Amino acid sequence: MVYQLILVLKSTLKEAEQKKLLENIKSLLGKAKITEKTWGQKALAYPIKREVSGLFLNWRIDSENIIPNGFEKKLLGNDNILRHLLLRK
């Protein structure tokens, strides 16, 4: 299965915190092959959680398995992720 995941992270995250967060997300996906593209920091159309800009990431996920059921719930529970969009291609 092929998925596309777009993440908007807080722009105030330090590089070490950002790497740790992304590694945690990757560990939830298991052995899936992930192709990452960083779109960079962009201004948001409206403030989200008092943030006016966010770091945009685009991931292509190639996995033999279906993404686990609780994956999106864990993304929603993380305060450092402002928004996410998960699409199945």
Protein backbone atom coordinates (compact mmCIF):
# COMPACT_ATOMS: atom_id res chain seq x y z
CA MET A 1 0.00 0.00 0.00
CA VAL A 2 1.18 3.50 -0.76
CA TYR A 3 0.32 6.41 1.51
CA GLN A 4 1.11 10.10 1.54
CA LEU A 5 1.49 11.86 4.89
CA ILE A 6 1.71 15.62 5.17
CA LEU A 7 2.75 16.98 8.55
CA VAL A 8 2.78 20.53 9.88
CA LEU A 9 5.06 20.80 12.91
CA LYS A 10 5.54 23.70 15.29
CA SER A 11 8.18 26.07 13.93
CA THR A 12 9.48 26.69 17.47
CA LEU A 13 10.77 23.10 17.81
CA LYS A 14 14.51 22.73 18.22
CA GLU A 15 16.31 20.48 15.77
CA ALA A 16 16.90 17.75 18.38
CA GLU A 17 13.22 17.73 19.39
CA GLN A 18 12.19 17.61 15.75
CA LYS A 19 14.45 14.63 15.00
CA LYS A 20 13.17 12.78 18.08
CA LEU A 21 9.55 13.41 17.06
CA LEU A 22 10.13 12.19 13.50
CA GLU A 23 11.94 9.06 14.74
CA ASN A 24 8.98 8.28 17.01
CA ILE A 25 6.58 8.59 14.07
CA LYS A 26 8.79 6.34 11.94
CA SER A 27 8.90 3.72 14.69
CA LEU A 28 5.07 3.60 14.67
CA LEU A 29 5.17 2.71 10.96
CA GLY A 30 7.50 -0.25 11.44
CA LYS A 31 9.44 -1.46 8.40
CA ALA A 32 7.71 0.81 5.89
CA LYS A 33 9.90 2.57 3.32
CA ILE A 34 9.59 6.34 3.79
CA THR A 35 10.60 8.95 1.24
CA GLU A 36 10.85 12.36 2.89
CA LYS A 37 10.59 15.82 1.39
CA THR A 38 10.84 18.92 3.54
CA TRP A 39 8.83 21.83 2.19
CA GLY A 40 10.31 24.17 4.78
CA GLN A 41 8.84 26.72 7.11
CA LYS A 42 5.80 28.55 5.80
CA ALA A 43 3.32 31.03 7.21
CA LEU A 44 -0.06 29.60 8.19
CA ALA A 45 -3.29 31.09 6.86
CA TYR A 46 -4.54 31.41 10.44
CA PRO A 47 -2.95 30.79 13.86
CA ILE A 48 -3.06 27.19 15.12
CA LYS A 49 -2.30 26.66 18.80
CA ARG A 50 -0.91 30.23 18.84
CA GLU A 51 1.61 29.40 16.09
CA VAL A 52 1.71 31.67 13.02
CA SER A 53 4.10 29.50 10.97
CA GLY A 54 4.82 25.81 10.67
CA LEU A 55 7.37 23.38 9.28
CA PHE A 56 5.82 21.38 6.42
CA LEU A 57 6.91 17.80 5.66
CA ASN A 58 5.73 15.46 2.91
CA TRP A 59 6.25 11.71 3.32
CA ARG A 60 5.56 8.94 0.83
CA ILE A 61 5.09 5.68 2.73
CA ASP A 62 5.45 2.36 0.91
CA SER A 63 4.29 -0.46 3.16
CA GLU A 64 3.24 -4.04 2.65
CA ASN A 65 0.88 -3.73 5.60
CA ILE A 66 -1.98 -1.37 6.31
CA ILE A 67 -1.06 1.51 8.63
CA PRO A 68 -1.98 0.63 12.25
CA ASN A 69 -5.37 1.78 13.52
CA GLY A 70 -4.02 3.96 16.33
CA PHE A 71 -1.51 5.80 14.14
CA GLU A 72 -3.62 8.88 13.44
CA LYS A 73 -4.80 9.00 17.03
CA LYS A 74 -1.17 9.20 18.19
CA LEU A 75 -0.51 12.01 15.71
CA LEU A 76 -3.52 13.92 17.07
CA GLY A 77 -2.32 13.43 20.64
CA ASN A 78 1.06 15.04 19.99
CA ASP A 79 1.09 18.78 20.76
CA ASN A 80 4.09 19.42 18.48
CA ILE A 81 2.11 18.38 15.40
CA LEU A 82 -0.20 21.21 14.39
CA ARG A 83 -1.93 19.39 11.51
CA HIS A 84 -1.60 16.20 9.50
CA LEU A 85 -3.15 14.69 6.40
CA LEU A 86 -2.90 10.98 5.61
CA LEU A 87 -3.98 9.83 2.16
CA ARG A 88 -4.02 6.33 0.66
CA LYS A 89 -3.02 6.30 -2.98
